[in-house]
Amino acid sequence: MKSVNLRLSLVENVNQFVNIVSRYPFEMDLRAGRHVVDAKSILGIFSLDLSRPITLEIYSDDCGQLMEEIKPFIEETDA
């Protein structure tokens, strides 16, 4: 499993994100606090608080191509 923080603040971003993740066969969830929705569900995503970063949980270790495609949505963290 891999987790990454995302920022999906615009409607266009949500549409692009769902189009990308829907092409992959593995399960993915988005988590905002205690709320969890299917990452491939547009309605589910819009039920989350998108004003804050959300966590994408990918249930596959072979997700390098996906990570490249969603790079514009990844929230950079200062470590």
C-alpha atoms as a PDB file:
ATOM      1  CA  MET A   1       0.000   0.000   0.000  1.00  0.00           C
ATOM      2  CA  LYS A   2       1.167   3.522  -0.762  1.00  0.00           C
ATOM      3  CA  SER A   3      -0.194   6.802   0.614  1.00  0.00           C
ATOM      4  CA  VAL A   4       0.272  10.310  -0.739  1.00  0.00           C
ATOM      5  CA  ASN A   5      -1.298  13.685   0.084  1.00  0.00           C
ATOM      6  CA  LEU A   6      -3.168  15.456  -2.709  1.00  0.00           C
ATOM      7  CA  ARG A   7      -4.741  18.838  -3.327  1.00  0.00           C
ATOM      8  CA  LEU A   8      -7.878  18.775  -5.517  1.00  0.00           C
ATOM      9  CA  SER A   9      -9.153  22.311  -5.101  1.00  0.00           C
ATOM     10  CA  LEU A  10     -10.782  22.861  -8.520  1.00  0.00           C
ATOM     11  CA  VAL A  11     -13.604  20.990 -10.275  1.00  0.00           C
ATOM     12  CA  GLU A  12     -11.323  20.508 -13.300  1.00  0.00           C
ATOM     13  CA  ASN A  13      -8.714  18.910 -11.024  1.00  0.00           C
ATOM     14  CA  VAL A  14     -11.244  16.401  -9.688  1.00  0.00           C
ATOM     15  CA  ASN A  15     -12.373  15.483 -13.219  1.00  0.00           C
ATOM     16  CA  GLN A  16      -8.782  15.031 -14.433  1.00  0.00           C
ATOM     17  CA  PHE A  17      -7.867  13.012 -11.335  1.00  0.00           C
ATOM     18  CA  VAL A  18     -10.843  10.622 -11.706  1.00  0.00           C
ATOM     19  CA  ASN A  19     -10.082  10.148 -15.421  1.00  0.00           C
ATOM     20  CA  ILE A  20      -6.513   9.159 -14.531  1.00  0.00           C
ATOM     21  CA  VAL A  21      -7.207   6.809 -11.605  1.00  0.00           C
ATOM     22  CA  SER A  22     -10.119   5.093 -13.403  1.00  0.00           C
ATOM     23  CA  ARG A  23      -7.659   3.657 -15.930  1.00  0.00           C
ATOM     24  CA  TYR A  24      -5.885   1.605 -13.245  1.00  0.00           C
ATOM     25  CA  PRO A  25      -7.207  -1.783 -12.059  1.00  0.00           C
ATOM     26  CA  PHE A  26      -6.210  -1.552  -8.416  1.00  0.00           C
ATOM     27  CA  GLU A  27      -8.320  -0.220  -5.550  1.00  0.00           C
ATOM     28  CA  MET A  28      -7.762   3.328  -4.306  1.00  0.00           C
ATOM     29  CA  ASP A  29      -9.388   5.340  -1.541  1.00  0.00           C
ATOM     30  CA  LEU A  30      -9.342   9.015  -0.610  1.00  0.00           C
ATOM     31  CA  ARG A  31      -9.278   9.865   3.088  1.00  0.00           C
ATOM     32  CA  ALA A  32     -10.129  13.218   4.662  1.00  0.00           C
ATOM     33  CA  GLY A  33     -10.131  12.911   8.421  1.00  0.00           C
ATOM     34  CA  ARG A  34     -12.410   9.993   9.271  1.00  0.00           C
ATOM     35  CA  HIS A  35     -14.219  10.073   5.909  1.00  0.00           C
ATOM     36  CA  VAL A  36     -13.116   7.563   3.264  1.00  0.00           C
ATOM     37  CA  VAL A  37     -14.423   7.387  -0.314  1.00  0.00           C
ATOM     38  CA  ASP A  38     -13.575   5.467  -3.478  1.00  0.00           C
ATOM     39  CA  ALA A  39     -10.937   7.495  -5.366  1.00  0.00           C
ATOM     40  CA  LYS A  40     -12.681   6.649  -8.656  1.00  0.00           C
ATOM     41  CA  SER A  41     -16.005   8.206  -7.569  1.00  0.00           C
ATOM     42  CA  ILE A  42     -16.580  11.816  -8.575  1.00  0.00           C
ATOM     43  CA  LEU A  43     -19.569  12.140  -6.236  1.00  0.00           C
ATOM     44  CA  GLY A  44     -17.594  10.601  -3.387  1.00  0.00           C
ATOM     45  CA  ILE A  45     -14.744  13.066  -3.879  1.00  0.00           C
ATOM     46  CA  PHE A  46     -17.107  16.037  -3.869  1.00  0.00           C
ATOM     47  CA  SER A  47     -18.475  14.855  -0.503  1.00  0.00           C
ATOM     48  CA  LEU A  48     -15.040  15.524   1.044  1.00  0.00           C
ATOM     49  CA  ASP A  49     -13.648  18.832   2.309  1.00  0.00           C
ATOM     50  CA  LEU A  50     -11.482  19.768  -0.691  1.00  0.00           C
ATOM     51  CA  SER A  51     -10.222  22.990   0.875  1.00  0.00           C
ATOM     52  CA  ARG A  52      -7.591  20.892   2.677  1.00  0.00           C
ATOM     53  CA  PRO A  53      -5.178  18.238   1.417  1.00  0.00           C
ATOM     54  CA  ILE A  54      -6.603  14.720   1.245  1.00  0.00           C
ATOM     55  CA  THR A  55      -4.793  11.380   1.398  1.00  0.00           C
ATOM     56  CA  LEU A  56      -4.807   8.946  -1.496  1.00  0.00           C
ATOM     57  CA  GLU A  57      -4.335   5.339  -0.415  1.00  0.00           C
ATOM     58  CA  ILE A  58      -3.282   3.014  -3.240  1.00  0.00           C
ATOM     59  CA  TYR A  59      -3.646  -0.703  -2.583  1.00  0.00           C
ATOM     60  CA  SER A  60      -0.821  -1.770  -4.885  1.00  0.00           C
ATOM     61  CA  ASP A  61       2.948  -1.532  -4.785  1.00  0.00           C
ATOM     62  CA  ASP A  62       3.222  -1.376  -8.584  1.00  0.00           C
ATOM     63  CA  CYS A  63       1.942   2.180  -9.015  1.00  0.00           C
ATOM     64  CA  GLY A  64       4.907   4.082 -10.447  1.00  0.00           C
ATOM     65  CA  GLN A  65       3.092   5.065 -13.651  1.00  0.00           C
ATOM     66  CA  LEU A  66       0.075   6.287 -11.667  1.00  0.00           C
ATOM     67  CA  MET A  67       2.331   8.370  -9.402  1.00  0.00           C
ATOM     68  CA  GLU A  68       3.821  10.065 -12.486  1.00  0.00           C
ATOM     69  CA  GLU A  69       0.379  10.891 -13.877  1.00  0.00           C
ATOM     70  CA  ILE A  70      -0.971  12.372 -10.629  1.00  0.00           C
ATOM     71  CA  LYS A  71       2.194  14.370  -9.889  1.00  0.00           C
ATOM     72  CA  PRO A  72       0.433  17.738 -10.539  1.00  0.00           C
ATOM     73  CA  PHE A  73      -2.016  16.991  -7.710  1.00  0.00           C
ATOM     74  CA  ILE A  74       0.524  15.843  -5.119  1.00  0.00           C
ATOM     75  CA  GLU A  75       0.827  18.165  -2.130  1.00  0.00           C
ATOM     76  CA  GLU A  76       4.483  18.823  -1.396  1.00  0.00           C
ATOM     77  CA  THR A  77       5.357  18.428   2.273  1.00  0.00           C
ATOM     78  CA  ASP A  78       8.235  20.187   3.948  1.00  0.00           C
ATOM     79  CA  ALA A  79      10.312  17.504   5.610  1.00  0.00           C
END
